C-alpha atoms as a PDB file:
ATOM      1  CA  UNK A   1      -0.122   0.000   0.067  1.00  0.00           C
ATOM      2  CA  UNK A   2       2.596   2.483   0.983  1.00  0.00           C
ATOM      3  CA  UNK A   3       4.683   1.526  -2.194  1.00  0.00           C
ATOM      4  CA  UNK A   4       1.535   2.198  -4.539  1.00  0.00           C
ATOM      5  CA  UNK A   5       0.805   5.568  -2.624  1.00  0.00           C
ATOM      6  CA  UNK A   6       4.273   6.920  -3.062  1.00  0.00           C
ATOM      7  CA  UNK A   7       4.440   5.667  -6.788  1.00  0.00           C
ATOM      8  CA  UNK A   8       1.257   7.712  -7.359  1.00  0.00           C
ATOM      9  CA  UNK A   9       2.247  10.761  -5.251  1.00  0.00           C
ATOM     10  CA  UNK A  10       5.637  10.996  -7.355  1.00  0.00           C
ATOM     11  CA  UNK A  11       3.847  10.497 -10.540  1.00  0.00           C
ATOM     12  CA  UNK A  12       1.407  13.344  -9.847  1.00  0.00           C
ATOM     13  CA  UNK A  13       4.280  15.615  -8.392  1.00  0.00           C
ATOM     14  CA  UNK A  14       6.478  15.063 -11.527  1.00  0.00           C
ATOM     15  CA  UNK A  15       3.578  15.838 -13.851  1.00  0.00           C
ATOM     16  CA  UNK A  16       2.669  18.962 -12.016  1.00  0.00           C
ATOM     17  CA  UNK A  17       6.473  19.843 -12.023  1.00  0.00           C
ATOM     18  CA  UNK A  18       6.427  19.358 -15.845  1.00  0.00           C
ATOM     19  CA  UNK A  19       3.280  21.532 -16.179  1.00  0.00           C
ATOM     20  CA  UNK A  20       4.904  24.160 -14.126  1.00  0.00           C
ATOM     21  CA  UNK A  21       7.970  24.489 -15.918  1.00  0.00           C
ATOM     22  CA  UNK A  22       6.149  24.631 -19.081  1.00  0.00           C
ATOM     23  CA  UNK A  23       4.206  27.392 -18.028  1.00  0.00           C
ATOM     24  CA  UNK A  24       7.514  29.405 -17.168  1.00  0.00           C
ATOM     25  CA  UNK A  25       9.128  28.574 -20.311  1.00  0.00           C
ATOM     26  CA  UNK A  26       6.440  30.002 -22.626  1.00  0.00           C
ATOM     27  CA  UNK A  27       7.444  33.730 -21.707  1.00  0.00           C
ATOM     28  CA  UNK A  28      11.003  35.210 -21.481  1.00  0.00           C
ATOM     29  CA  UNK A  29      12.391  35.509 -17.893  1.00  0.00           C
ATOM     30  CA  UNK A  30      12.709  39.023 -16.703  1.00  0.00           C
ATOM     31  CA  UNK A  31      13.885  38.083 -13.183  1.00  0.00           C
ATOM     32  CA  UNK A  32      15.908  35.326 -11.722  1.00  0.00           C
ATOM     33  CA  UNK A  33      14.621  33.069  -8.929  1.00  0.00           C
ATOM     34  CA  UNK A  34      17.192  31.409  -6.585  1.00  0.00           C
ATOM     35  CA  UNK A  35      17.620  29.862  -3.099  1.00  0.00           C
ATOM     36  CA  UNK A  36      14.441  27.984  -3.402  1.00  0.00           C
ATOM     37  CA  UNK A  37      13.554  26.327   0.112  1.00  0.00           C
ATOM     38  CA  UNK A  38      11.199  24.270   1.770  1.00  0.00           C
ATOM     39  CA  UNK A  39      10.568  23.878   5.516  1.00  0.00           C
ATOM     40  CA  UNK A  40       7.308  21.383   6.407  1.00  0.00           C
ATOM     41  CA  UNK A  41       6.664  20.067   9.723  1.00  0.00           C
ATOM     42  CA  UNK A  42       3.691  19.364  12.277  1.00  0.00           C
ATOM     43  CA  UNK A  43       3.726  19.523  15.819  1.00  0.00           C
ATOM     44  CA  UNK A  44       2.552  17.027  18.433  1.00  0.00           C
ATOM     45  CA  UNK A  45      -1.286  18.095  18.055  1.00  0.00           C
ATOM     46  CA  UNK A  46      -0.963  17.425  14.303  1.00  0.00           C
ATOM     47  CA  UNK A  47      -0.866  21.299  13.085  1.00  0.00           C
ATOM     48  CA  UNK A  48       0.963  21.604  10.000  1.00  0.00           C
ATOM     49  CA  UNK A  49       3.499  24.443   8.989  1.00  0.00           C
ATOM     50  CA  UNK A  50       4.624  24.507   5.631  1.00  0.00           C
ATOM     51  CA  UNK A  51       6.946  27.282   4.107  1.00  0.00           C
ATOM     52  CA  UNK A  52       8.424  27.516   0.675  1.00  0.00           C
ATOM     53  CA  UNK A  53      10.616  30.577  -0.068  1.00  0.00           C
ATOM     54  CA  UNK A  54      12.547  32.080  -3.015  1.00  0.00           C
ATOM     55  CA  UNK A  55      14.541  35.101  -3.942  1.00  0.00           C
ATOM     56  CA  UNK A  56      13.779  36.923  -6.774  1.00  0.00           C
ATOM     57  CA  UNK A  57      16.324  39.323  -8.491  1.00  0.00           C
ATOM     58  CA  UNK A  58      14.878  41.722 -11.171  1.00  0.00           C
ATOM     59  CA  UNK A  59      15.701  45.112 -12.605  1.00  0.00           C
ATOM     60  CA  UNK A  60      15.079  48.127  -9.941  1.00  0.00           C
ATOM     61  CA  UNK A  61      13.005  50.136 -12.048  1.00  0.00           C
ATOM     62  CA  UNK A  62      10.819  46.915 -12.628  1.00  0.00           C
ATOM     63  CA  UNK A  63      10.591  46.714  -8.800  1.00  0.00           C
ATOM     64  CA  UNK A  64       9.740  50.481  -8.416  1.00  0.00           C
ATOM     65  CA  UNK A  65       6.911  50.087 -11.039  1.00  0.00           C
ATOM     66  CA  UNK A  66       5.505  47.047  -9.235  1.00  0.00           C
ATOM     67  CA  UNK A  67       5.759  48.030  -5.445  1.00  0.00           C
ATOM     68  CA  UNK A  68       2.176  49.343  -5.078  1.00  0.00           C
ATOM     69  CA  UNK A  69      -0.888  48.041  -3.125  1.00  0.00           C
ATOM     70  CA  UNK A  70      -2.568  46.988  -6.415  1.00  0.00           C
ATOM     71  CA  UNK A  71       0.275  44.736  -7.375  1.00  0.00           C
ATOM     72  CA  UNK A  72      -0.294  42.874  -4.079  1.00  0.00           C
ATOM     73  CA  UNK A  73      -3.626  42.119  -4.982  1.00  0.00           C
ATOM     74  CA  UNK A  74      -2.566  41.052  -8.319  1.00  0.00           C
ATOM     75  CA  UNK A  75       0.037  38.752  -6.791  1.00  0.00           C
ATOM     76  CA  UNK A  76      -2.577  37.174  -4.729  1.00  0.00           C
ATOM     77  CA  UNK A  77      -4.657  36.510  -7.930  1.00  0.00           C
ATOM     78  CA  UNK A  78      -1.553  35.199  -9.802  1.00  0.00           C
ATOM     79  CA  UNK A  79      -1.228  32.428  -7.057  1.00  0.00           C
ATOM     80  CA  UNK A  80      -4.813  31.187  -7.833  1.00  0.00           C
ATOM     81  CA  UNK A  81      -4.326  31.516 -11.538  1.00  0.00           C
ATOM     82  CA  UNK A  82      -1.204  29.318 -11.410  1.00  0.00           C
ATOM     83  CA  UNK A  83      -2.873  26.745  -9.298  1.00  0.00           C
ATOM     84  CA  UNK A  84      -5.619  26.265 -11.901  1.00  0.00           C
ATOM     85  CA  UNK A  85      -3.117  26.141 -14.697  1.00  0.00           C
ATOM     86  CA  UNK A  86      -0.758  23.755 -13.215  1.00  0.00           C
ATOM     87  CA  UNK A  87      -3.592  21.450 -12.657  1.00  0.00           C
ATOM     88  CA  UNK A  88      -4.712  21.800 -16.165  1.00  0.00           C
ATOM     89  CA  UNK A  89      -8.104  23.520 -15.141  1.00  0.00           C
ATOM     90  CA  UNK A  90      -9.196  20.309 -12.526  1.00  0.00           C
ATOM     91  CA  UNK A  91      -8.597  22.838  -9.642  1.00  0.00           C
ATOM     92  CA  UNK A  92     -10.478  25.984  -9.854  1.00  0.00           C
ATOM     93  CA  UNK A  93     -11.090  28.909  -7.662  1.00  0.00           C
ATOM     94  CA  UNK A  94     -14.622  30.297  -7.004  1.00  0.00           C
ATOM     95  CA  UNK A  95     -15.626  33.477  -5.605  1.00  0.00           C
ATOM     96  CA  UNK A  96     -18.399  34.767  -3.304  1.00  0.00           C
ATOM     97  CA  UNK A  97     -18.617  38.125  -1.576  1.00  0.00           C
ATOM     98  CA  UNK A  98     -16.921  37.022   1.556  1.00  0.00           C
ATOM     99  CA  UNK A  99     -15.157  33.559   0.659  1.00  0.00           C
ATOM    100  CA  UNK A 100     -12.839  31.777  -1.796  1.00  0.00           C
ATOM    101  CA  UNK A 101     -13.627  28.269  -2.914  1.00  0.00           C
ATOM    102  CA  UNK A 102     -11.023  25.892  -4.112  1.00  0.00           C
ATOM    103  CA  UNK A 103     -12.886  23.266  -5.932  1.00  0.00           C
ATOM    104  CA  UNK A 104     -12.159  20.040  -7.938  1.00  0.00           C
ATOM    105  CA  UNK A 105     -13.833  21.476 -11.075  1.00  0.00           C
ATOM    106  CA  UNK A 106     -17.084  22.646  -9.603  1.00  0.00           C
ATOM    107  CA  UNK A 107     -19.074  23.522  -6.271  1.00  0.00           C
ATOM    108  CA  UNK A 108     -20.234  21.677  -4.364  1.00  0.00           C
ATOM    109  CA  UNK A 109     -16.423  19.702  -4.732  1.00  0.00           C
ATOM    110  CA  UNK A 110     -14.792  22.229  -2.438  1.00  0.00           C
ATOM    111  CA  UNK A 111     -11.424  20.822  -1.277  1.00  0.00           C
ATOM    112  CA  UNK A 112     -10.788  24.223   0.791  1.00  0.00           C
ATOM    113  CA  UNK A 113     -12.678  27.571   1.520  1.00  0.00           C
ATOM    114  CA  UNK A 114     -10.900  30.766   2.606  1.00  0.00           C
ATOM    115  CA  UNK A 115     -12.324  33.866   4.190  1.00  0.00           C
ATOM    116  CA  UNK A 116     -11.755  36.998   2.440  1.00  0.00           C
ATOM    117  CA  UNK A 117      -8.326  38.055   2.060  1.00  0.00           C
ATOM    118  CA  UNK A 118      -6.327  40.416   4.281  1.00  0.00           C
ATOM    119  CA  UNK A 119      -3.627  42.872   3.316  1.00  0.00           C
ATOM    120  CA  UNK A 120      -0.843  44.590   4.749  1.00  0.00           C
ATOM    121  CA  UNK A 121       1.873  46.531   2.989  1.00  0.00           C
ATOM    122  CA  UNK A 122       4.431  48.834   4.898  1.00  0.00           C
ATOM    123  CA  UNK A 123       7.810  49.795   4.310  1.00  0.00           C
ATOM    124  CA  UNK A 124       9.833  46.990   2.686  1.00  0.00           C
ATOM    125  CA  UNK A 125       7.257  44.310   3.576  1.00  0.00           C
ATOM    126  CA  UNK A 126       4.000  43.223   2.164  1.00  0.00           C
ATOM    127  CA  UNK A 127       1.657  40.094   2.617  1.00  0.00           C
ATOM    128  CA  UNK A 128      -1.651  38.895   1.715  1.00  0.00           C
ATOM    129  CA  UNK A 129      -3.471  36.094   4.070  1.00  0.00           C
ATOM    130  CA  UNK A 130      -6.452  33.879   3.577  1.00  0.00           C
ATOM    131  CA  UNK A 131      -7.839  32.250   6.816  1.00  0.00           C
ATOM    132  CA  UNK A 132      -9.053  28.537   6.193  1.00  0.00           C
ATOM    133  CA  UNK A 133     -12.642  28.361   6.885  1.00  0.00           C
ATOM    134  CA  UNK A 134     -13.401  24.585   5.894  1.00  0.00           C
ATOM    135  CA  UNK A 135     -13.168  21.852   3.221  1.00  0.00           C
ATOM    136  CA  UNK A 136     -12.692  18.353   2.700  1.00  0.00           C
ATOM    137  CA  UNK A 137      -9.124  18.730   3.191  1.00  0.00           C
ATOM    138  CA  UNK A 138      -8.960  20.304   6.657  1.00  0.00           C
ATOM    139  CA  UNK A 139     -10.179  18.471   9.635  1.00  0.00           C
ATOM    140  CA  UNK A 140     -12.764  20.081  12.080  1.00  0.00           C
ATOM    141  CA  UNK A 141     -10.123  21.244  14.347  1.00  0.00           C
ATOM    142  CA  UNK A 142      -8.519  23.435  11.878  1.00  0.00           C
ATOM    143  CA  UNK A 143     -11.903  25.121  10.683  1.00  0.00           C
ATOM    144  CA  UNK A 144     -13.091  28.551  11.274  1.00  0.00           C
ATOM    145  CA  UNK A 145     -10.242  30.656  10.381  1.00  0.00           C
ATOM    146  CA  UNK A 146      -7.720  29.184  12.911  1.00  0.00           C
ATOM    147  CA  UNK A 147      -5.269  28.258  10.189  1.00  0.00           C
ATOM    148  CA  UNK A 148      -4.242  30.373   7.205  1.00  0.00           C
ATOM    149  CA  UNK A 149      -2.438  30.637   3.822  1.00  0.00           C
ATOM    150  CA  UNK A 150      -0.103  33.613   3.488  1.00  0.00           C
ATOM    151  CA  UNK A 151       2.127  35.133   0.893  1.00  0.00           C
ATOM    152  CA  UNK A 152       4.683  37.429   2.079  1.00  0.00           C
ATOM    153  CA  UNK A 153       7.107  39.910  -0.092  1.00  0.00           C
ATOM    154  CA  UNK A 154      10.115  41.557   1.687  1.00  0.00           C
ATOM    155  CA  UNK A 155      12.824  43.765  -0.114  1.00  0.00           C
ATOM    156  CA  UNK A 156      16.345  42.780   0.457  1.00  0.00           C
ATOM    157  CA  UNK A 157      19.309  44.984   0.338  1.00  0.00           C
ATOM    158  CA  UNK A 158      20.770  45.332  -3.162  1.00  0.00           C
ATOM    159  CA  UNK A 159      23.800  43.515  -4.150  1.00  0.00           C
ATOM    160  CA  UNK A 160      24.541  45.127  -7.552  1.00  0.00           C
ATOM    161  CA  UNK A 161      23.618  48.643  -8.968  1.00  0.00           C
ATOM    162  CA  UNK A 162      20.361  48.536 -10.936  1.00  0.00           C
ATOM    163  CA  UNK A 163      19.263  45.460  -9.500  1.00  0.00           C
ATOM    164  CA  UNK A 164      16.552  44.841  -6.841  1.00  0.00           C
ATOM    165  CA  UNK A 165      16.071  41.559  -4.514  1.00  0.00           C
ATOM    166  CA  UNK A 166      13.074  40.307  -3.020  1.00  0.00           C
ATOM    167  CA  UNK A 167      12.263  37.544  -0.625  1.00  0.00           C
ATOM    168  CA  UNK A 168       9.040  35.796  -1.337  1.00  0.00           C
ATOM    169  CA  UNK A 169       7.424  33.493   1.268  1.00  0.00           C
ATOM    170  CA  UNK A 170       4.441  31.168   1.003  1.00  0.00           C
ATOM    171  CA  UNK A 171       3.214  29.949   4.153  1.00  0.00           C
ATOM    172  CA  UNK A 172       0.552  27.470   5.199  1.00  0.00           C
ATOM    173  CA  UNK A 173       0.154  27.444   8.998  1.00  0.00           C
ATOM    174  CA  UNK A 174      -1.887  25.798  11.735  1.00  0.00           C
ATOM    175  CA  UNK A 175      -3.179  23.701   9.124  1.00  0.00           C
ATOM    176  CA  UNK A 176      -4.813  20.352  10.411  1.00  0.00           C
ATOM    177  CA  UNK A 177      -5.230  18.073   7.154  1.00  0.00           C
ATOM    178  CA  UNK A 178      -8.042  15.667   7.216  1.00  0.00           C
ATOM    179  CA  UNK A 179      -6.028  12.975   5.678  1.00  0.00           C
ATOM    180  CA  UNK A 180      -3.696  12.735   8.535  1.00  0.00           C
ATOM    181  CA  UNK A 181      -6.301  12.593  10.958  1.00  0.00           C
ATOM    182  CA  UNK A 182      -8.698  10.300   9.067  1.00  0.00           C
ATOM    183  CA  UNK A 183      -5.994   7.928   7.446  1.00  0.00           C
ATOM    184  CA  UNK A 184      -2.678   8.799   9.027  1.00  0.00           C
ATOM    185  CA  UNK A 185       0.271  11.502   8.999  1.00  0.00           C
ATOM    186  CA  UNK A 186       2.568   9.417   6.766  1.00  0.00           C
ATOM    187  CA  UNK A 187      -0.152   9.247   3.919  1.00  0.00           C
ATOM    188  CA  UNK A 188      -0.522  13.159   4.143  1.00  0.00           C
ATOM    189  CA  UNK A 189       3.296  13.611   3.848  1.00  0.00           C
ATOM    190  CA  UNK A 190       3.540  11.452   0.963  1.00  0.00           C
ATOM    191  CA  UNK A 191       0.700  12.609  -0.984  1.00  0.00           C
ATOM    192  CA  UNK A 192      -1.162  16.068  -0.314  1.00  0.00           C
ATOM    193  CA  UNK A 193       2.177  17.585   1.218  1.00  0.00           C
ATOM    194  CA  UNK A 194       4.440  16.639  -1.476  1.00  0.00           C
ATOM    195  CA  UNK A 195       2.029  17.776  -4.182  1.00  0.00           C
ATOM    196  CA  UNK A 196       1.463  21.196  -2.274  1.00  0.00           C
ATOM    197  CA  UNK A 197       5.337  21.818  -2.232  1.00  0.00           C
ATOM    198  CA  UNK A 198       5.813  20.917  -6.010  1.00  0.00           C
ATOM    199  CA  UNK A 199       2.897  23.396  -7.000  1.00  0.00           C
ATOM    200  CA  UNK A 200       4.326  26.194  -4.853  1.00  0.00           C
ATOM    201  CA  UNK A 201       7.797  25.690  -6.105  1.00  0.00           C
ATOM    202  CA  UNK A 202       6.232  26.102  -9.422  1.00  0.00           C
ATOM    203  CA  UNK A 203       4.554  29.237  -8.493  1.00  0.00           C
ATOM    204  CA  UNK A 204       7.842  30.892  -7.369  1.00  0.00           C
ATOM    205  CA  UNK A 205       9.723  29.958 -10.394  1.00  0.00           C
ATOM    206  CA  UNK A 206       6.748  31.497 -12.441  1.00  0.00           C
ATOM    207  CA  UNK A 207       7.499  34.683 -11.027  1.00  0.00           C
ATOM    208  CA  UNK A 208      10.494  35.127 -13.287  1.00  0.00           C
ATOM    209  CA  UNK A 209       8.218  36.332 -16.082  1.00  0.00           C
ATOM    210  CA  UNK A 210       6.732  39.007 -13.791  1.00  0.00           C
ATOM    211  CA  UNK A 211       3.476  38.325 -15.283  1.00  0.00           C
ATOM    212  CA  UNK A 212       0.804  39.265 -12.802  1.00  0.00           C
ATOM    213  CA  UNK A 213      -2.668  38.459 -13.204  1.00  0.00           C
ATOM    214  CA  UNK A 214      -5.478  41.051 -13.344  1.00  0.00           C
ATOM    215  CA  UNK A 215      -7.595  41.239 -10.107  1.00  0.00           C
ATOM    216  CA  UNK A 216     -10.845  40.237 -10.199  1.00  0.00           C
ATOM    217  CA  UNK A 217     -12.197  42.866  -8.172  1.00  0.00           C
ATOM    218  CA  UNK A 218      -9.674  45.534  -7.915  1.00  0.00           C
ATOM    219  CA  UNK A 219     -10.198  46.509  -4.361  1.00  0.00           C
ATOM    220  CA  UNK A 220      -6.595  48.118  -4.132  1.00  0.00           C
ATOM    221  CA  UNK A 221      -6.487  49.325  -7.765  1.00  0.00           C
ATOM    222  CA  UNK A 222      -7.242  53.026  -6.760  1.00  0.00           C
ATOM    223  CA  UNK A 223      -4.543  52.890  -3.875  1.00  0.00           C
ATOM    224  CA  UNK A 224      -1.147  54.506  -4.468  1.00  0.00           C
ATOM    225  CA  UNK A 225       1.827  55.214  -2.134  1.00  0.00           C
ATOM    226  CA  UNK A 226       1.328  58.495  -0.558  1.00  0.00           C
ATOM    227  CA  UNK A 227       3.665  61.257  -1.490  1.00  0.00           C
ATOM    228  CA  UNK A 228       6.362  61.276   0.949  1.00  0.00           C
ATOM    229  CA  UNK A 229       5.206  58.435   2.936  1.00  0.00           C
ATOM    230  CA  UNK A 230       7.462  55.504   2.059  1.00  0.00           C
ATOM    231  CA  UNK A 231       6.395  53.374   5.195  1.00  0.00           C
ATOM    232  CA  UNK A 232       2.551  53.055   4.393  1.00  0.00           C
ATOM    233  CA  UNK A 233       2.094  52.484   0.661  1.00  0.00           C
ATOM    234  CA  UNK A 234      -1.339  53.453   1.241  1.00  0.00           C
ATOM    235  CA  UNK A 235      -2.551  49.747   1.778  1.00  0.00           C
ATOM    236  CA  UNK A 236      -4.837  49.025   4.633  1.00  0.00           C
ATOM    237  CA  UNK A 237      -3.343  46.813   7.435  1.00  0.00           C
ATOM    238  CA  UNK A 238      -4.783  43.347   7.461  1.00  0.00           C
ATOM    239  CA  UNK A 239      -8.288  44.453   6.361  1.00  0.00           C
ATOM    240  CA  UNK A 240     -10.613  41.494   5.792  1.00  0.00           C
ATOM    241  CA  UNK A 241     -12.702  43.334   3.371  1.00  0.00           C
ATOM    242  CA  UNK A 242     -12.408  42.746  -0.364  1.00  0.00           C
ATOM    243  CA  UNK A 243     -10.986  39.845  -2.415  1.00  0.00           C
ATOM    244  CA  UNK A 244      -8.317  39.749  -5.492  1.00  0.00           C
END
């Protein structure tokens, strides 16, 4: 049983990796992606924390054009677009006023549902966070907003004139997988967890083309950095209203 499970997970992960790389290669890279890292572990109560990160090196003028609240919203939308593309449309994201549903093709086949996104942008740091509400992939203990998915971006000191660097991190925290509680932690680690890491690595690599998706709502489209105030960038601090 375990050998078959591993073989299936490896096959799916390999397929997703090929699809993800193919998506990146269709466009000319503008940025360089380096230092890809993964840190995934669970505590004694079964809560999973999974962090994938990378450094993005890009022309300084490109970053200055992009460092704005509306592009944080677009980055959030880019993540969901990549997830759909990488799975060839089998996984889709549906929207309501207050939630986002990650579905297997259609509702009611909801894998995960999230509360409306929260945004923060201040100084050299920006993030978007979705709190996990429910879904078949999360156990009862992890529902109701206790766990979350988050994308964080931080500006790093420059190393070469004319170049800028970013640290980009995708984090799932306080997540209680239903597979681990109902079948076993080993099965989760060798299936869902592996596939999540592969897809997230693909998303991070895809940032090389700097192709940010258009927001579905555009809540932050009208917000721009206030003149003379580089610390605020005009974005709300973790406001749950709105969605990309």
